[in-house]
Amino acid sequence: MYATYLAGKELLQVTIQYNKQLPNAEVIVCAHNKTGKTKNLESFVFTSESPESEKLFELTEVKGRIVSIAIKNPSEAKF
């Protein structure tokens, strides 16, 4: 998982590069406010047939929030 500091802008762009060795990797992007409330902002699943080698997420209204990114790997391949 990756977490940012408190976002200083309303718009944050995040690019995730896909590793073909991790088929069906799921990317989940969340924002956390100062009281601990979590909001799922984006999710995306890379498949072995995905034409994308990367995915761009444009996150809005994140100023003053902590942004976390989790990559779930359901396959047997390990990081």
Protein backbone atom coordinates (compact mmCIF):
# COMPACT_ATOMS: atom_id res chain seq x y z
CA MET A 1 0.00 0.00 0.00
CA TYR A 2 1.10 3.57 -0.68
CA ALA A 3 -0.15 6.58 1.28
CA THR A 4 0.46 10.27 0.62
CA TYR A 5 0.79 13.13 3.05
CA LEU A 6 -2.16 15.50 3.36
CA ALA A 7 -2.96 16.50 -0.20
CA GLY A 8 -2.43 20.22 -0.72
CA LYS A 9 -4.47 20.52 -3.90
CA GLU A 10 -8.01 19.65 -4.93
CA LEU A 11 -6.78 17.60 -7.92
CA LEU A 12 -4.24 14.78 -7.75
CA GLN A 13 -3.13 12.65 -10.69
CA VAL A 14 -1.76 9.17 -10.02
CA THR A 15 -0.39 6.80 -12.66
CA ILE A 16 -0.08 3.07 -11.92
CA GLN A 17 2.10 0.99 -14.23
CA TYR A 18 0.88 -2.56 -14.87
CA ASN A 19 3.23 -5.48 -14.36
CA LYS A 20 2.11 -8.35 -16.62
CA GLN A 21 3.52 -10.78 -14.04
CA LEU A 22 0.61 -9.87 -11.73
CA PRO A 23 -2.51 -10.89 -13.68
CA ASN A 24 -5.83 -9.65 -12.33
CA ALA A 25 -4.17 -7.09 -10.07
CA GLU A 26 -6.79 -4.81 -8.54
CA VAL A 27 -5.96 -1.18 -7.76
CA ILE A 28 -8.05 0.58 -5.10
CA VAL A 29 -7.65 4.30 -4.37
CA CYS A 30 -9.13 5.77 -1.17
CA ALA A 31 -9.18 9.12 0.62
CA HIS A 32 -9.11 9.43 4.40
CA ASN A 33 -10.18 12.55 6.28
CA LYS A 34 -8.86 13.78 9.63
CA THR A 35 -11.56 11.94 11.59
CA GLY A 36 -10.59 8.61 10.00
CA LYS A 37 -13.52 8.30 7.61
CA THR A 38 -12.55 6.49 4.41
CA LYS A 39 -14.04 7.00 0.96
CA ASN A 40 -13.29 4.75 -2.02
CA LEU A 41 -12.46 7.03 -4.94
CA GLU A 42 -11.45 4.65 -7.73
CA SER A 43 -10.89 1.00 -8.49
CA PHE A 44 -9.60 -0.80 -11.54
CA VAL A 45 -8.60 -4.38 -12.40
CA PHE A 46 -5.74 -5.10 -14.77
CA THR A 47 -6.23 -8.42 -16.57
CA SER A 48 -3.76 -10.42 -18.61
CA GLU A 49 -5.73 -9.25 -21.68
CA SER A 50 -5.66 -5.58 -20.66
CA PRO A 51 -4.30 -3.44 -23.50
CA GLU A 52 -3.25 -0.79 -20.96
CA SER A 53 0.31 -0.79 -19.64
CA GLU A 54 -0.64 1.94 -17.18
CA LYS A 55 -3.74 3.54 -15.68
CA LEU A 56 -4.17 7.23 -14.88
CA PHE A 57 -6.43 8.20 -12.00
CA GLU A 58 -7.55 11.83 -11.69
CA LEU A 59 -8.68 12.36 -8.12
CA THR A 60 -10.77 15.41 -7.26
CA GLU A 61 -11.70 17.03 -3.95
CA VAL A 62 -8.74 15.50 -2.10
CA LYS A 63 -7.32 18.66 -0.51
CA GLY A 64 -6.63 18.05 3.18
CA ARG A 65 -7.09 14.27 2.87
CA ILE A 66 -4.66 11.38 2.97
CA VAL A 67 -4.77 9.33 -0.23
CA SER A 68 -3.99 5.60 -0.07
CA ILE A 69 -3.46 3.18 -2.94
CA ALA A 70 -3.70 -0.58 -2.47
CA ILE A 71 -2.85 -3.18 -5.09
CA LYS A 72 -4.44 -6.57 -4.49
CA ASN A 73 -2.87 -9.57 -6.19
CA PRO A 74 -5.21 -12.60 -6.19
CA SER A 75 -2.85 -14.73 -8.31
CA GLU A 76 -0.11 -17.02 -7.09
CA ALA A 77 2.54 -14.62 -8.38
CA LYS A 78 4.17 -12.66 -5.58
CA PHE A 79 5.72 -9.20 -5.47
